[in-house]
Amino acid sequence: MATAKGEALIGIDLGGTKVAAGNIHGGALKELLYQQVPSESEDPEETVGLITGMIRKLMDNDVAGIGIGVPGLVDKERGIVYDVHNIPSWKEVPLKRILEQEFEVPVQLDNDSNCFALGEYRFGAHSGEKDFVGITLGTGMGAGIIKNGTLIPDANRCSGEFGNIPYLDGIYENYCSGMFFGRTFGKNGEEVALEASKEEKWAIEAYHQFGMHLGNGIKTIQMAVDPRMVIIGGSLAKAKDHFEAFMWKSISETPFPSTLKNFRVIFSETEHVAILGAAALCIDS
């Protein structure tokens, strides 16, 4: 673990609508902050200022490093964030340099889905599992790939972008995230889940369709990466009872049924895993 000052780390999870930040010591979250990202903001400096203010509240003499997960492409070596999803003004932001100058501790950046996977690897119920894909299902669909106990190295910063693979009349993200419910039913996933829990037939069918699409996405991941396990997190994972059976029905229709013998799909139970994973970027960095 980085030890520039002490043993504590700060983890930041930057979303399209909110920022979550935490002070982590010994793998445990000691303090947690949330802040909404102004929806009308067109200036990336405003969001950077928001992040800086949150870090300042969590900062103390024991903090050895800061890790940040962002929903976009990241040049990890140079610490530059490109094309953040849902924040159109973030085209090229040298976030590492800005924060290191401000706080004088090492700063590490990565894609938020990579942070989810890393958080599961370091702190999750299946910590130490060396071969899995972590999928985040929320507003969009993201993924991080752990191979041989490390995040898979990539040439152009886009490994795990399965959501952008063409599928039907769009891409997987259109069908395997909250976008599916918004596009098809005009509601978000949580609203549809609530109706499904009331035995509304249309909502039950909506999640059955979602499960089939997600199963197809997982089959594509199997063909591309062949992991031992897939770990699913994000807001839509909470509705698993409405779609899990249909997800598996779709997965079972693989052309290579023998690959399912030891294959597992697990739903994350790790609280604040994205923050923990962001902080874990500083471990052994």
Protein backbone atom coordinates (compact mmCIF):
# COMPACT_ATOMS: atom_id res chain seq x y z
CA MET A 1 0.00 0.00 0.00
CA ALA A 2 1.16 3.50 -0.74
CA THR A 3 2.68 5.00 2.40
CA ALA A 4 3.54 8.58 1.50
CA LYS A 5 1.91 9.77 4.75
CA GLY A 6 0.04 7.00 6.52
CA GLU A 7 -2.25 4.06 6.01
CA ALA A 8 -5.54 5.77 5.11
CA LEU A 9 -6.82 6.21 1.54
CA ILE A 10 -9.56 8.26 -0.06
CA GLY A 11 -11.78 6.67 -2.69
CA ILE A 12 -13.99 8.68 -5.06
CA ASP A 13 -16.78 7.32 -7.26
CA LEU A 14 -17.76 9.94 -9.86
CA GLY A 15 -21.15 9.34 -11.41
CA GLY A 16 -23.12 11.27 -13.97
CA THR A 17 -25.44 12.70 -11.32
CA LYS A 18 -23.58 12.35 -8.01
CA VAL A 19 -20.18 11.89 -6.42
CA ALA A 20 -19.55 9.48 -3.54
CA ALA A 21 -16.35 9.71 -1.51
CA GLY A 22 -14.98 7.86 1.46
CA ASN A 23 -12.02 7.68 3.84
CA ILE A 24 -10.79 4.09 4.04
CA HIS A 25 -8.51 2.72 6.73
CA GLY A 26 -7.48 -0.92 6.93
CA GLY A 27 -9.99 -1.85 4.23
CA ALA A 28 -12.87 -0.35 6.22
CA LEU A 29 -14.87 2.72 5.26
CA LYS A 30 -14.57 5.24 8.09
CA GLU A 31 -16.39 8.23 6.64
CA LEU A 32 -18.73 8.61 3.66
CA LEU A 33 -19.88 11.69 1.72
CA TYR A 34 -22.35 12.17 -1.14
CA GLN A 35 -22.76 15.21 -3.35
CA GLN A 36 -25.03 15.84 -6.33
CA VAL A 37 -23.39 16.90 -9.60
CA PRO A 38 -25.18 20.04 -10.85
CA SER A 39 -27.20 18.86 -13.85
CA GLU A 40 -26.95 22.28 -15.51
CA SER A 41 -23.17 22.48 -15.20
CA GLU A 42 -21.29 22.92 -18.48
CA ASP A 43 -17.95 23.70 -16.86
CA PRO A 44 -15.74 20.73 -15.85
CA GLU A 45 -13.98 23.00 -13.37
CA GLU A 46 -17.20 23.13 -11.36
CA THR A 47 -17.27 19.35 -10.93
CA VAL A 48 -13.52 19.27 -10.22
CA GLY A 49 -14.12 21.89 -7.56
CA LEU A 50 -16.88 19.75 -6.08
CA ILE A 51 -14.54 16.74 -5.92
CA THR A 52 -11.76 18.86 -4.42
CA GLY A 53 -14.09 20.13 -1.71
CA MET A 54 -15.15 16.60 -0.77
CA ILE A 55 -11.54 15.42 -0.59
CA ARG A 56 -10.66 18.38 1.59
CA LYS A 57 -13.35 17.32 4.10
CA LEU A 58 -11.96 13.77 4.22
CA MET A 59 -8.27 14.66 4.16
CA ASP A 60 -6.05 14.15 7.21
CA ASN A 61 -2.41 13.43 7.93
CA ASP A 62 -2.92 9.67 7.60
CA VAL A 63 -4.08 9.80 3.97
CA ALA A 64 -1.47 8.19 1.72
CA GLY A 65 -3.26 8.41 -1.61
CA ILE A 66 -6.44 9.19 -3.52
CA GLY A 67 -8.14 6.86 -6.01
CA ILE A 68 -10.90 7.95 -8.37
CA GLY A 69 -13.27 5.97 -10.58
CA VAL A 70 -14.87 7.84 -13.48
CA PRO A 71 -17.52 6.73 -16.04
CA GLY A 72 -15.37 7.27 -19.12
CA LEU A 73 -12.01 6.56 -20.70
CA VAL A 74 -8.92 7.21 -18.62
CA ASP A 75 -5.25 7.57 -19.55
CA LYS A 76 -4.02 5.97 -16.34
CA GLU A 77 -0.35 6.79 -16.85
CA ARG A 78 -0.91 10.50 -17.52
CA GLY A 79 -3.96 10.79 -15.31
CA ILE A 80 -6.20 12.35 -17.96
CA VAL A 81 -9.95 11.74 -18.08
CA TYR A 82 -11.66 11.63 -21.48
CA ASP A 83 -15.34 11.68 -22.50
CA VAL A 84 -17.14 11.14 -19.18
CA HIS A 85 -20.58 9.60 -19.71
CA ASN A 86 -23.48 11.88 -18.76
CA ILE A 87 -21.12 14.86 -18.25
CA PRO A 88 -20.67 16.06 -21.85
CA SER A 89 -18.32 18.89 -20.89
CA TRP A 90 -15.66 16.43 -19.67
CA LYS A 91 -13.67 15.94 -22.87
CA GLU A 92 -10.07 16.00 -21.59
CA VAL A 93 -9.39 16.81 -17.95
CA PRO A 94 -5.90 16.36 -16.35
CA LEU A 95 -7.45 15.33 -13.04
CA LYS A 96 -4.38 13.60 -11.61
CA ARG A 97 -2.17 16.67 -12.02
CA ILE A 98 -4.82 18.99 -10.59
CA LEU A 99 -5.39 16.92 -7.45
CA GLU A 100 -1.75 16.03 -6.83
CA GLN A 101 -0.85 19.72 -6.92
CA GLU A 102 -3.68 20.48 -4.50
CA PHE A 103 -3.18 17.69 -1.94
CA GLU A 104 0.45 16.56 -2.43
CA VAL A 105 -0.32 12.83 -2.30
CA PRO A 106 -0.35 10.30 -5.16
CA VAL A 107 -3.58 10.17 -7.19
CA GLN A 108 -4.66 7.16 -9.27
CA LEU A 109 -7.49 7.13 -11.82
CA ASP A 110 -9.43 4.42 -13.64
CA ASN A 111 -12.78 3.64 -15.20
CA ASP A 112 -15.52 3.21 -12.60
CA SER A 113 -16.35 -0.33 -13.73
CA ASN A 114 -12.70 -1.30 -13.35
CA CYS A 115 -12.93 0.10 -9.82
CA PHE A 116 -15.99 -2.06 -9.18
CA ALA A 117 -14.09 -5.17 -10.30
CA LEU A 118 -11.02 -4.21 -8.30
CA GLY A 119 -13.16 -3.54 -5.23
CA GLU A 120 -14.71 -6.99 -5.51
CA TYR A 121 -11.27 -8.56 -5.95
CA ARG A 122 -9.81 -6.80 -2.91
CA PHE A 123 -12.77 -6.51 -0.55
CA GLY A 124 -15.75 -8.51 -1.87
CA ALA A 125 -17.30 -11.77 -0.75
CA HIS A 126 -15.20 -13.51 -3.41
CA SER A 127 -12.01 -11.55 -2.78
CA GLY A 128 -8.99 -13.32 -4.16
CA GLU A 129 -10.90 -14.82 -7.11
CA LYS A 130 -8.33 -14.31 -9.87
CA ASP A 131 -10.50 -14.71 -12.97
CA PHE A 132 -13.81 -12.88 -13.29
CA VAL A 133 -15.65 -10.05 -15.02
CA GLY A 134 -17.41 -7.46 -12.89
CA ILE A 135 -20.47 -5.94 -14.57
CA THR A 136 -22.18 -2.76 -13.41
CA LEU A 137 -25.82 -2.32 -14.41
CA GLY A 138 -27.34 1.09 -13.81
CA THR A 139 -27.90 4.05 -16.08
CA GLY A 140 -25.46 2.31 -18.41
CA MET A 141 -23.60 -1.00 -18.63
CA GLY A 142 -19.93 -1.21 -17.72
CA ALA A 143 -17.45 -3.98 -17.01
CA GLY A 144 -14.02 -4.58 -15.54
CA ILE A 145 -11.94 -7.68 -16.27
CA ILE A 146 -9.78 -9.40 -13.67
CA LYS A 147 -7.34 -11.92 -15.17
CA ASN A 148 -4.63 -13.66 -13.15
CA GLY A 149 -5.45 -11.45 -10.18
CA THR A 150 -5.03 -8.12 -11.94
CA LEU A 151 -7.02 -5.73 -14.07
CA ILE A 152 -6.44 -6.74 -17.67
CA PRO A 153 -3.95 -4.41 -19.40
CA ASP A 154 -5.36 -2.65 -22.45
CA ALA A 155 -3.85 -0.88 -25.42
CA ASN A 156 -6.41 1.89 -25.90
CA ARG A 157 -8.19 2.19 -22.54
CA CYS A 158 -11.41 0.49 -23.66
CA SER A 159 -11.22 -3.13 -22.47
CA GLY A 160 -14.46 -4.21 -20.85
CA GLU A 161 -16.65 -1.88 -22.93
CA PHE A 162 -19.03 -4.73 -23.72
CA GLY A 163 -21.99 -2.37 -23.48
CA ASN A 164 -20.85 -0.69 -26.71
CA ILE A 165 -20.78 -3.91 -28.74
CA PRO A 166 -23.46 -3.89 -31.49
CA TYR A 167 -26.62 -5.81 -30.55
CA LEU A 168 -29.98 -6.01 -32.32
CA ASP A 169 -30.81 -2.46 -33.52
CA GLY A 170 -28.31 -0.77 -31.20
CA ILE A 171 -25.73 -1.83 -28.65
CA TYR A 172 -25.86 -4.04 -25.56
CA GLU A 173 -26.11 -1.03 -23.27
CA ASN A 174 -29.48 -0.16 -24.86
CA TYR A 175 -30.86 -3.48 -23.65
CA CYS A 176 -28.78 -4.39 -20.56
CA SER A 177 -29.10 -1.23 -18.48
CA GLY A 178 -31.64 1.30 -17.30
CA MET A 179 -31.73 2.57 -20.89
CA PHE A 180 -33.85 -0.47 -21.80
CA PHE A 181 -36.66 0.51 -19.45
CA GLY A 182 -36.50 4.19 -20.37
CA ARG A 183 -36.50 3.55 -24.11
CA THR A 184 -39.16 0.84 -24.08
CA PHE A 185 -41.44 1.71 -21.17
CA GLY A 186 -40.69 5.33 -20.32
CA LYS A 187 -39.74 4.45 -16.74
CA ASN A 188 -36.51 3.74 -14.88
CA GLY A 189 -35.54 0.29 -13.66
CA GLU A 190 -36.53 0.99 -10.06
CA GLU A 191 -40.01 2.11 -11.07
CA VAL A 192 -40.51 -1.00 -13.20
CA ALA A 193 -39.24 -3.23 -10.38
CA LEU A 194 -41.78 -1.69 -8.03
CA GLU A 195 -44.58 -2.47 -10.48
CA ALA A 196 -43.25 -6.01 -10.98
CA SER A 197 -43.34 -6.56 -7.22
CA LYS A 198 -47.06 -5.63 -7.39
CA GLU A 199 -47.56 -8.43 -9.95
CA GLU A 200 -48.12 -6.01 -12.82
CA LYS A 201 -47.88 -8.26 -15.90
CA TRP A 202 -46.26 -5.68 -18.18
CA ALA A 203 -43.53 -4.97 -15.61
CA ILE A 204 -42.87 -8.67 -15.01
CA GLU A 205 -42.56 -9.16 -18.77
CA ALA A 206 -40.24 -6.14 -19.00
CA TYR A 207 -37.80 -7.73 -16.57
CA HIS A 208 -38.11 -11.09 -18.31
CA GLN A 209 -37.02 -9.39 -21.53
CA PHE A 210 -34.24 -7.59 -19.71
CA GLY A 211 -32.98 -10.90 -18.30
CA MET A 212 -32.88 -12.48 -21.74
CA HIS A 213 -30.91 -9.57 -23.16
CA LEU A 214 -28.51 -9.61 -20.21
CA GLY A 215 -27.99 -13.35 -20.67
CA ASN A 216 -27.04 -12.71 -24.29
CA GLY A 217 -24.59 -10.07 -23.12
CA ILE A 218 -23.02 -12.48 -20.65
CA LYS A 219 -22.69 -15.10 -23.40
CA THR A 220 -20.79 -12.54 -25.46
CA ILE A 221 -18.50 -11.89 -22.50
CA GLN A 222 -17.94 -15.65 -22.17
CA MET A 223 -16.94 -15.90 -25.81
CA ALA A 224 -14.60 -12.92 -25.55
CA VAL A 225 -12.96 -13.45 -22.15
CA ASP A 226 -14.04 -16.90 -20.83
CA PRO A 227 -14.08 -15.97 -17.14
CA ARG A 228 -14.72 -18.40 -14.29
CA MET A 229 -17.27 -16.00 -12.83
CA VAL A 230 -19.31 -12.88 -13.52
CA ILE A 231 -20.09 -10.58 -10.60
CA ILE A 232 -22.98 -8.18 -11.17
CA GLY A 233 -23.43 -4.91 -9.30
CA GLY A 234 -25.12 -1.57 -9.80
CA SER A 235 -28.64 -0.37 -9.05
CA LEU A 236 -30.38 -2.91 -11.32
CA ALA A 237 -28.73 -5.83 -9.51
CA LYS A 238 -31.18 -5.17 -6.66
CA ALA A 239 -34.00 -6.36 -8.94
CA LYS A 240 -32.35 -9.74 -9.64
CA ASP A 241 -35.36 -11.71 -8.40
CA HIS A 242 -37.31 -10.33 -11.37
CA PHE A 243 -34.80 -11.32 -14.08
CA GLU A 244 -32.27 -13.87 -12.83
CA ALA A 245 -34.13 -16.97 -14.06
CA PHE A 246 -34.53 -15.55 -17.57
CA MET A 247 -30.90 -14.44 -17.58
CA TRP A 248 -29.86 -18.04 -16.93
CA LYS A 249 -32.30 -19.37 -19.54
CA SER A 250 -30.55 -17.20 -22.10
CA ILE A 251 -27.06 -18.15 -20.87
CA SER A 252 -27.97 -21.85 -21.04
CA GLU A 253 -28.58 -21.51 -24.78
CA THR A 254 -24.84 -21.19 -25.40
CA PRO A 255 -23.38 -23.16 -28.33
CA PHE A 256 -20.78 -24.52 -25.87
CA PRO A 257 -22.76 -25.97 -22.92
CA SER A 258 -19.67 -27.59 -21.41
CA THR A 259 -18.37 -24.11 -20.56
CA LEU A 260 -21.20 -23.71 -18.04
CA LYS A 261 -20.12 -26.62 -15.84
CA ASN A 262 -18.04 -24.47 -13.50
CA PHE A 263 -19.30 -21.05 -14.55
CA ARG A 264 -21.03 -18.83 -11.97
CA VAL A 265 -22.92 -15.54 -11.99
CA ILE A 266 -22.89 -13.81 -8.59
CA PHE A 267 -24.69 -10.66 -7.48
CA SER A 268 -22.52 -8.30 -5.47
CA GLU A 269 -23.26 -7.82 -1.79
CA THR A 270 -20.26 -5.56 -1.13
CA GLU A 271 -21.39 -2.23 0.26
CA HIS A 272 -19.79 0.88 -1.30
CA VAL A 273 -17.64 -1.39 -3.48
CA ALA A 274 -16.91 1.31 -6.09
CA ILE A 275 -15.40 3.60 -3.44
CA LEU A 276 -13.36 0.74 -1.99
CA GLY A 277 -12.19 -0.21 -5.48
CA ALA A 278 -11.18 3.36 -6.28
CA ALA A 279 -9.11 3.47 -3.10
CA ALA A 280 -7.60 0.10 -4.03
CA LEU A 281 -6.05 1.74 -7.11
CA CYS A 282 -3.49 3.14 -4.66
CA ILE A 283 -2.56 -0.31 -3.33
CA ASP A 284 0.76 -1.52 -4.75
CA SER A 285 0.71 1.41 -7.20
